[in-house]
PDB file of N, CA and C in Angstrom:
ATOM      1  N   MET A   1       0.842  -1.174   0.000  1.00  0.00           N
ATOM      2  CA  MET A   1       0.000   0.000   0.000  1.00  0.00           C
ATOM      3  C   MET A   1       0.895   1.249   0.000  1.00  0.00           C
ATOM      4  N   THR A   2       0.583   2.188  -0.886  1.00  0.00           N
ATOM      5  CA  THR A   2       1.352   3.415  -1.021  1.00  0.00           C
ATOM      6  C   THR A   2       0.456   4.602  -0.732  1.00  0.00           C
ATOM      7  N   GLU A   3       1.031   5.642  -0.157  1.00  0.00           N
ATOM      8  CA  GLU A   3       0.277   6.867   0.131  1.00  0.00           C
ATOM      9  C   GLU A   3       0.967   8.050  -0.533  1.00  0.00           C
ATOM     10  N   HIS A   4       0.146   8.931  -1.123  1.00  0.00           N
ATOM     11  CA  HIS A   4       0.658  10.161  -1.726  1.00  0.00           C
ATOM     12  C   HIS A   4       0.002  11.351  -1.050  1.00  0.00           C
ATOM     13  N   LEU A   5       0.809  12.300  -0.610  1.00  0.00           N
ATOM     14  CA  LEU A   5       0.298  13.508   0.016  1.00  0.00           C
ATOM     15  C   LEU A   5      -0.488  14.307  -1.020  1.00  0.00           C
ATOM     16  N   VAL A   6      -1.759  14.628  -0.694  1.00  0.00           N
ATOM     17  CA  VAL A   6      -2.570  15.430  -1.617  1.00  0.00           C
ATOM     18  C   VAL A   6      -2.938  16.780  -1.028  1.00  0.00           C
ATOM     19  N   GLY A   7      -2.929  16.917   0.304  1.00  0.00           N
ATOM     20  CA  GLY A   7      -3.315  18.199   0.865  1.00  0.00           C
ATOM     21  C   GLY A   7      -3.248  18.240   2.377  1.00  0.00           C
ATOM     22  N   HIS A   8      -3.927  19.247   2.930  1.00  0.00           N
ATOM     23  CA  HIS A   8      -3.961  19.402   4.380  1.00  0.00           C
ATOM     24  C   HIS A   8      -5.317  19.966   4.808  1.00  0.00           C
ATOM     25  N   VAL A   9      -5.681  19.686   6.042  1.00  0.00           N
ATOM     26  CA  VAL A   9      -6.946  20.157   6.596  1.00  0.00           C
ATOM     27  C   VAL A   9      -6.815  21.638   6.932  1.00  0.00           C
ATOM     28  N   THR A  10      -7.787  22.425   6.467  1.00  0.00           N
ATOM     29  CA  THR A  10      -7.795  23.865   6.737  1.00  0.00           C
ATOM     30  C   THR A  10      -8.869  24.251   7.747  1.00  0.00           C
ATOM     31  N   HIS A  11      -9.935  23.445   7.822  1.00  0.00           N
ATOM     32  CA  HIS A  11     -11.040  23.730   8.749  1.00  0.00           C
ATOM     33  C   HIS A  11     -11.655  22.429   9.233  1.00  0.00           C
ATOM     34  N   TRP A  12     -12.257  22.487  10.402  1.00  0.00           N
ATOM     35  CA  TRP A  12     -13.001  21.361  10.954  1.00  0.00           C
ATOM     36  C   TRP A  12     -14.390  21.871  11.310  1.00  0.00           C
ATOM     37  N   TYR A  13     -15.403  21.283  10.688  1.00  0.00           N
ATOM     38  CA  TYR A  13     -16.796  21.633  10.954  1.00  0.00           C
ATOM     39  C   TYR A  13     -17.406  20.484  11.740  1.00  0.00           C
ATOM     40  N   GLY A  14     -17.268  20.550  13.072  1.00  0.00           N
ATOM     41  CA  GLY A  14     -17.663  19.451  13.941  1.00  0.00           C
ATOM     42  C   GLY A  14     -19.134  19.127  13.918  1.00  0.00           C
ATOM     43  N   ARG A  15     -19.961  20.134  13.781  1.00  0.00           N
ATOM     44  CA  ARG A  15     -21.406  19.903  13.778  1.00  0.00           C
ATOM     45  C   ARG A  15     -21.824  18.983  12.625  1.00  0.00           C
ATOM     46  N   ASN A  16     -21.182  19.158  11.466  1.00  0.00           N
ATOM     47  CA  ASN A  16     -21.516  18.366  10.279  1.00  0.00           C
ATOM     48  C   ASN A  16     -20.517  17.245  10.000  1.00  0.00           C
ATOM     49  N   MET A  17     -19.463  17.150  10.831  1.00  0.00           N
ATOM     50  CA  MET A  17     -18.405  16.152  10.633  1.00  0.00           C
ATOM     51  C   MET A  17     -17.784  16.286   9.241  1.00  0.00           C
ATOM     52  N   VAL A  18     -17.413  17.513   8.895  1.00  0.00           N
ATOM     53  CA  VAL A  18     -16.826  17.806   7.588  1.00  0.00           C
ATOM     54  C   VAL A  18     -15.436  18.404   7.786  1.00  0.00           C
ATOM     55  N   ALA A  19     -14.498  17.924   6.972  1.00  0.00           N
ATOM     56  CA  ALA A  19     -13.146  18.482   6.952  1.00  0.00           C
ATOM     57  C   ALA A  19     -13.015  19.374   5.731  1.00  0.00           C
ATOM     58  N   GLY A  20     -12.584  20.607   5.959  1.00  0.00           N
ATOM     59  CA  GLY A  20     -12.222  21.492   4.859  1.00  0.00           C
ATOM     60  C   GLY A  20     -10.775  21.197   4.512  1.00  0.00           C
ATOM     61  N   ILE A  21     -10.519  20.922   3.249  1.00  0.00           N
ATOM     62  CA  ILE A  21      -9.186  20.483   2.823  1.00  0.00           C
ATOM     63  C   ILE A  21      -8.715  21.322   1.646  1.00  0.00           C
ATOM     64  N   HIS A  22      -7.451  21.740   1.689  1.00  0.00           N
ATOM     65  CA  HIS A  22      -6.813  22.387   0.540  1.00  0.00           C
ATOM     66  C   HIS A  22      -6.023  21.313  -0.193  1.00  0.00           C
ATOM     67  N   VAL A  23      -6.299  21.146  -1.486  1.00  0.00           N
ATOM     68  CA  VAL A  23      -5.577  20.164  -2.300  1.00  0.00           C
ATOM     69  C   VAL A  23      -4.280  20.820  -2.766  1.00  0.00           C
ATOM     70  N   ASP A  24      -3.166  20.358  -2.207  1.00  0.00           N
ATOM     71  CA  ASP A  24      -1.848  20.921  -2.507  1.00  0.00           C
ATOM     72  C   ASP A  24      -1.185  20.267  -3.715  1.00  0.00           C
ATOM     73  N   HIS A  25      -1.419  18.959  -3.900  1.00  0.00           N
ATOM     74  CA  HIS A  25      -0.716  18.192  -4.931  1.00  0.00           C
ATOM     75  C   HIS A  25      -1.681  17.217  -5.589  1.00  0.00           C
ATOM     76  N   GLY A  26      -1.629  17.108  -6.892  1.00  0.00           N
ATOM     77  CA  GLY A  26      -2.392  16.091  -7.599  1.00  0.00           C
ATOM     78  C   GLY A  26      -3.880  16.324  -7.570  1.00  0.00           C
ATOM     79  N   GLU A  27      -4.620  15.229  -7.446  1.00  0.00           N
ATOM     80  CA  GLU A  27      -6.075  15.304  -7.451  1.00  0.00           C
ATOM     81  C   GLU A  27      -6.662  14.235  -6.541  1.00  0.00           C
ATOM     82  N   LEU A  28      -7.937  14.419  -6.247  1.00  0.00           N
ATOM     83  CA  LEU A  28      -8.669  13.503  -5.369  1.00  0.00           C
ATOM     84  C   LEU A  28     -10.021  13.250  -6.009  1.00  0.00           C
ATOM     85  N   HIS A  29     -10.453  11.978  -6.035  1.00  0.00           N
ATOM     86  CA  HIS A  29     -11.707  11.582  -6.665  1.00  0.00           C
ATOM     87  C   HIS A  29     -12.644  10.973  -5.630  1.00  0.00           C
ATOM     88  N   SER A  30     -13.943  11.098  -5.876  1.00  0.00           N
ATOM     89  CA  SER A  30     -14.916  10.372  -5.057  1.00  0.00           C
ATOM     90  C   SER A  30     -14.588   8.886  -5.177  1.00  0.00           C
ATOM     91  N   GLY A  31     -14.614   8.179  -4.065  1.00  0.00           N
ATOM     92  CA  GLY A  31     -14.278   6.766  -4.051  1.00  0.00           C
ATOM     93  C   GLY A  31     -12.835   6.484  -3.660  1.00  0.00           C
ATOM     94  N   ASP A  32     -11.950   7.486  -3.760  1.00  0.00           N
ATOM     95  CA  ASP A  32     -10.571   7.302  -3.300  1.00  0.00           C
ATOM     96  C   ASP A  32     -10.563   7.077  -1.792  1.00  0.00           C
ATOM     97  N   VAL A  33      -9.557   6.388  -1.324  1.00  0.00           N
ATOM     98  CA  VAL A  33      -9.372   6.210   0.119  1.00  0.00           C
ATOM     99  C   VAL A  33      -8.355   7.251   0.579  1.00  0.00           C
ATOM    100  N   VAL A  34      -8.687   7.975   1.664  1.00  0.00           N
ATOM    101  CA  VAL A  34      -7.772   8.960   2.220  1.00  0.00           C
ATOM    102  C   VAL A  34      -7.314   8.521   3.604  1.00  0.00           C
ATOM    103  N   HIS A  35      -6.123   8.958   3.951  1.00  0.00           N
ATOM    104  CA  HIS A  35      -5.560   8.733   5.276  1.00  0.00           C
ATOM    105  C   HIS A  35      -5.226  10.123   5.817  1.00  0.00           C
ATOM    106  N   ILE A  36      -5.902  10.522   6.879  1.00  0.00           N
ATOM    107  CA  ILE A  36      -5.691  11.835   7.481  1.00  0.00           C
ATOM    108  C   ILE A  36      -4.897  11.637   8.763  1.00  0.00           C
ATOM    109  N   VAL A  37      -3.727  12.277   8.813  1.00  0.00           N
ATOM    110  CA  VAL A  37      -2.793  12.057   9.912  1.00  0.00           C
ATOM    111  C   VAL A  37      -2.344  13.395  10.499  1.00  0.00           C
ATOM    112  N   GLY A  38      -2.330  13.452  11.820  1.00  0.00           N
ATOM    113  CA  GLY A  38      -1.831  14.630  12.505  1.00  0.00           C
ATOM    114  C   GLY A  38      -1.293  14.248  13.859  1.00  0.00           C
ATOM    115  N   HIS A  39      -1.092  15.255  14.700  1.00  0.00           N
ATOM    116  CA  HIS A  39      -0.536  15.026  16.035  1.00  0.00           C
ATOM    117  C   HIS A  39      -1.374  14.035  16.819  1.00  0.00           C
ATOM    118  N   THR A  40      -2.695  14.168  16.764  1.00  0.00           N
ATOM    119  CA  THR A  40      -3.584  13.243  17.479  1.00  0.00           C
ATOM    120  C   THR A  40      -4.597  12.582  16.559  1.00  0.00           C
ATOM    121  N   SER A  41      -4.505  12.824  15.258  1.00  0.00           N
ATOM    122  CA  SER A  41      -5.451  12.254  14.285  1.00  0.00           C
ATOM    123  C   SER A  41      -4.804  11.106  13.532  1.00  0.00           C
ATOM    124  N   ASP A  42      -5.597  10.088  13.238  1.00  0.00           N
ATOM    125  CA  ASP A  42      -5.157   8.971  12.395  1.00  0.00           C
ATOM    126  C   ASP A  42      -6.419   8.276  11.897  1.00  0.00           C
ATOM    127  N   LEU A  43      -6.883   8.689  10.721  1.00  0.00           N
ATOM    128  CA  LEU A  43      -8.157   8.238  10.194  1.00  0.00           C
ATOM    129  C   LEU A  43      -7.989   7.808   8.746  1.00  0.00           C
ATOM    130  N   GLU A  44      -8.467   6.619   8.413  1.00  0.00           N
ATOM    131  CA  GLU A  44      -8.448   6.145   7.034  1.00  0.00           C
ATOM    132  C   GLU A  44      -9.869   5.801   6.627  1.00  0.00           C
ATOM    133  N   GLN A  45     -10.320   6.335   5.485  1.00  0.00           N
ATOM    134  CA  GLN A  45     -11.691   6.087   5.040  1.00  0.00           C
ATOM    135  C   GLN A  45     -11.833   6.425   3.567  1.00  0.00           C
ATOM    136  N   PRO A  46     -12.858   5.841   2.908  1.00  0.00           N
ATOM    137  CA  PRO A  46     -13.135   6.226   1.521  1.00  0.00           C
ATOM    138  C   PRO A  46     -13.815   7.593   1.476  1.00  0.00           C
ATOM    139  N   VAL A  47     -13.620   8.300   0.377  1.00  0.00           N
ATOM    140  CA  VAL A  47     -14.262   9.594   0.169  1.00  0.00           C
ATOM    141  C   VAL A  47     -15.626   9.329  -0.470  1.00  0.00           C
ATOM    142  N   ALA A  48     -16.695   9.563   0.288  1.00  0.00           N
ATOM    143  CA  ALA A  48     -18.046   9.312  -0.221  1.00  0.00           C
ATOM    144  C   ALA A  48     -18.449  10.374  -1.240  1.00  0.00           C
ATOM    145  N   SER A  49     -18.125  11.634  -0.956  1.00  0.00           N
ATOM    146  CA  SER A  49     -18.419  12.714  -1.897  1.00  0.00           C
ATOM    147  C   SER A  49     -17.497  13.885  -1.611  1.00  0.00           C
ATOM    148  N   ILE A  50     -17.345  14.727  -2.613  1.00  0.00           N
ATOM    149  CA  ILE A  50     -16.505  15.923  -2.516  1.00  0.00           C
ATOM    150  C   ILE A  50     -17.383  17.120  -2.853  1.00  0.00           C
ATOM    151  N   GLU A  51     -17.271  18.171  -2.050  1.00  0.00           N
ATOM    152  CA  GLU A  51     -18.007  19.396  -2.342  1.00  0.00           C
ATOM    153  C   GLU A  51     -17.047  20.573  -2.479  1.00  0.00           C
ATOM    154  N   ILE A  52     -17.350  21.414  -3.466  1.00  0.00           N
ATOM    155  CA  ILE A  52     -16.669  22.693  -3.643  1.00  0.00           C
ATOM    156  C   ILE A  52     -17.759  23.756  -3.653  1.00  0.00           C
ATOM    157  N   GLU A  53     -17.687  24.700  -2.709  1.00  0.00           N
ATOM    158  CA  GLU A  53     -18.699  25.764  -2.605  1.00  0.00           C
ATOM    159  C   GLU A  53     -20.117  25.178  -2.521  1.00  0.00           C
ATOM    160  N   HIS A  54     -20.286  24.101  -1.754  1.00  0.00           N
ATOM    161  CA  HIS A  54     -21.580  23.443  -1.523  1.00  0.00           C
ATOM    162  C   HIS A  54     -22.153  22.756  -2.756  1.00  0.00           C
ATOM    163  N   HIS A  55     -21.315  22.499  -3.766  1.00  0.00           N
ATOM    164  CA  HIS A  55     -21.735  21.761  -4.954  1.00  0.00           C
ATOM    165  C   HIS A  55     -20.949  20.465  -5.008  1.00  0.00           C
ATOM    166  N   VAL A  56     -21.646  19.346  -5.208  1.00  0.00           N
ATOM    167  CA  VAL A  56     -20.986  18.049  -5.284  1.00  0.00           C
ATOM    168  C   VAL A  56     -20.243  17.952  -6.615  1.00  0.00           C
ATOM    169  N   VAL A  57     -18.982  17.527  -6.525  1.00  0.00           N
ATOM    170  CA  VAL A  57     -18.146  17.327  -7.705  1.00  0.00           C
ATOM    171  C   VAL A  57     -17.545  15.928  -7.653  1.00  0.00           C
ATOM    172  N   ALA A  58     -17.149  15.410  -8.804  1.00  0.00           N
ATOM    173  CA  ALA A  58     -16.590  14.061  -8.879  1.00  0.00           C
ATOM    174  C   ALA A  58     -15.114  14.024  -8.513  1.00  0.00           C
ATOM    175  N   GLU A  59     -14.432  15.158  -8.703  1.00  0.00           N
ATOM    176  CA  GLU A  59     -12.988  15.181  -8.432  1.00  0.00           C
ATOM    177  C   GLU A  59     -12.548  16.589  -8.065  1.00  0.00           C
ATOM    178  N   ALA A  60     -11.413  16.662  -7.398  1.00  0.00           N
ATOM    179  CA  ALA A  60     -10.813  17.946  -7.019  1.00  0.00           C
ATOM    180  C   ALA A  60      -9.370  17.947  -7.495  1.00  0.00           C
ATOM    181  N   HIS A  61      -8.898  19.133  -7.864  1.00  0.00           N
ATOM    182  CA  HIS A  61      -7.554  19.266  -8.419  1.00  0.00           C
ATOM    183  C   HIS A  61      -6.712  20.205  -7.568  1.00  0.00           C
ATOM    184  N   GLU A  62      -5.420  20.192  -7.848  1.00  0.00           N
ATOM    185  CA  GLU A  62      -4.463  21.039  -7.137  1.00  0.00           C
ATOM    186  C   GLU A  62      -4.972  22.482  -7.074  1.00  0.00           C
ATOM    187  N   GLY A  63      -4.983  23.041  -5.856  1.00  0.00           N
ATOM    188  CA  GLY A  63      -5.434  24.406  -5.642  1.00  0.00           C
ATOM    189  C   GLY A  63      -6.882  24.520  -5.176  1.00  0.00           C
ATOM    190  N   ASP A  64      -7.661  23.439  -5.285  1.00  0.00           N
ATOM    191  CA  ASP A  64      -9.067  23.472  -4.863  1.00  0.00           C
ATOM    192  C   ASP A  64      -9.203  23.436  -3.349  1.00  0.00           C
ATOM    193  N   GLU A  65     -10.226  24.112  -2.854  1.00  0.00           N
ATOM    194  CA  GLU A  65     -10.639  24.035  -1.448  1.00  0.00           C
ATOM    195  C   GLU A  65     -11.893  23.178  -1.432  1.00  0.00           C
ATOM    196  N   ILE A  66     -11.841  22.039  -0.741  1.00  0.00           N
ATOM    197  CA  ILE A  66     -12.950  21.091  -0.787  1.00  0.00           C
ATOM    198  C   ILE A  66     -13.447  20.769   0.612  1.00  0.00           C
ATOM    199  N   GLY A  67     -14.599  20.146   0.664  1.00  0.00           N
ATOM    200  CA  GLY A  67     -15.144  19.620   1.904  1.00  0.00           C
ATOM    201  C   GLY A  67     -15.481  18.156   1.710  1.00  0.00           C
ATOM    202  N   ILE A  68     -15.104  17.320   2.684  1.00  0.00           N
ATOM    203  CA  ILE A  68     -15.497  15.908   2.670  1.00  0.00           C
ATOM    204  C   ILE A  68     -15.995  15.527   4.055  1.00  0.00           C
ATOM    205  N   LYS A  69     -16.979  14.628   4.096  1.00  0.00           N
ATOM    206  CA  LYS A  69     -17.467  14.088   5.357  1.00  0.00           C
ATOM    207  C   LYS A  69     -16.415  13.137   5.907  1.00  0.00           C
ATOM    208  N   VAL A  70     -16.204  13.200   7.219  1.00  0.00           N
ATOM    209  CA  VAL A  70     -15.253  12.296   7.866  1.00  0.00           C
ATOM    210  C   VAL A  70     -15.922  11.633   9.063  1.00  0.00           C
ATOM    211  N   GLY A  71     -15.380  10.501   9.454  1.00  0.00           N
ATOM    212  CA  GLY A  71     -15.972   9.720  10.527  1.00  0.00           C
ATOM    213  C   GLY A  71     -15.459  10.034  11.911  1.00  0.00           C
ATOM    214  N   ASP A  72     -14.489  10.941  12.010  1.00  0.00           N
ATOM    215  CA  ASP A  72     -13.923  11.265  13.310  1.00  0.00           C
ATOM    216  C   ASP A  72     -13.383  12.691  13.263  1.00  0.00           C
ATOM    217  N   HIS A  73     -13.075  13.232  14.421  1.00  0.00           N
ATOM    218  CA  HIS A  73     -12.554  14.590  14.537  1.00  0.00           C
ATOM    219  C   HIS A  73     -11.171  14.671  13.909  1.00  0.00           C
ATOM    220  N   VAL A  74     -10.994  15.641  13.021  1.00  0.00           N
ATOM    221  CA  VAL A  74      -9.672  15.945  12.468  1.00  0.00           C
ATOM    222  C   VAL A  74      -9.336  17.375  12.840  1.00  0.00           C
ATOM    223  N   ARG A  75      -8.103  17.761  12.657  1.00  0.00           N
ATOM    224  CA  ARG A  75      -7.653  19.078  13.106  1.00  0.00           C
ATOM    225  C   ARG A  75      -6.973  19.842  11.982  1.00  0.00           C
ATOM    226  N   GLU A  76      -7.005  21.160  12.085  1.00  0.00           N
ATOM    227  CA  GLU A  76      -6.310  21.995  11.113  1.00  0.00           C
ATOM    228  C   GLU A  76      -4.835  21.587  11.057  1.00  0.00           C
ATOM    229  N   HIS A  77      -4.290  21.596   9.880  1.00  0.00           N
ATOM    230  CA  HIS A  77      -2.898  21.256   9.579  1.00  0.00           C
ATOM    231  C   HIS A  77      -2.644  19.753   9.494  1.00  0.00           C
ATOM    232  N   ASP A  78      -3.658  18.901   9.771  1.00  0.00           N
ATOM    233  CA  ASP A  78      -3.471  17.467   9.550  1.00  0.00           C
ATOM    234  C   ASP A  78      -3.163  17.236   8.077  1.00  0.00           C
ATOM    235  N   LYS A  79      -2.314  16.280   7.791  1.00  0.00           N
ATOM    236  CA  LYS A  79      -1.945  15.940   6.417  1.00  0.00           C
ATOM    237  C   LYS A  79      -2.973  14.961   5.842  1.00  0.00           C
ATOM    238  N   VAL A  80      -3.284  15.127   4.559  1.00  0.00           N
ATOM    239  CA  VAL A  80      -4.245  14.263   3.874  1.00  0.00           C
ATOM    240  C   VAL A  80      -3.518  13.514   2.766  1.00  0.00           C
ATOM    241  N   TYR A  81      -3.536  12.182   2.863  1.00  0.00           N
ATOM    242  CA  TYR A  81      -2.871  11.323   1.889  1.00  0.00           C
ATOM    243  C   TYR A  81      -3.914  10.513   1.101  1.00  0.00           C
ATOM    244  N   ARG A  82      -3.662  10.294  -0.187  1.00  0.00           N
ATOM    245  CA  ARG A  82      -4.488   9.387  -0.987  1.00  0.00           C
ATOM    246  C   ARG A  82      -3.818   8.026  -0.916  1.00  0.00           C
ATOM    247  N   VAL A  83      -4.576   7.014  -0.540  1.00  0.00           N
ATOM    248  CA  VAL A  83      -4.046   5.651  -0.386  1.00  0.00           C
ATOM    249  C   VAL A  83      -4.212   4.906  -1.706  1.00  0.00           C
ATOM    250  N   LEU A  84      -3.117   4.354  -2.205  1.00  0.00           N
ATOM    251  CA  LEU A  84      -3.142   3.554  -3.424  1.00  0.00           C
ATOM    252  C   LEU A  84      -2.887   2.107  -3.048  1.00  0.00           C
ATOM    253  N   HIS A  85      -3.720   1.227  -3.568  1.00  0.00           N
ATOM    254  CA  HIS A  85      -3.573  -0.201  -3.240  1.00  0.00           C
ATOM    255  C   HIS A  85      -2.850  -0.929  -4.342  1.00  0.00           C
TER     256      HIS A  85
END
């Protein structure tokens, strides 16, 4: 299993369990598996959907600010990796 850094968490919306993420490198697609890692975070899950400005999109590219639902609390500055099997 290989991981590629794609971005970092910029915001945490706890009420909705959504991570705001800046895509720094490459791209991210719905269905990709992400691994979010930080000082106290360690979460691996598939991306069910991606939103940009409250619109669902199939993929995000370098420079995009996106939102994805997550299953646990993540924190600003956590690293976001795309997991390749």
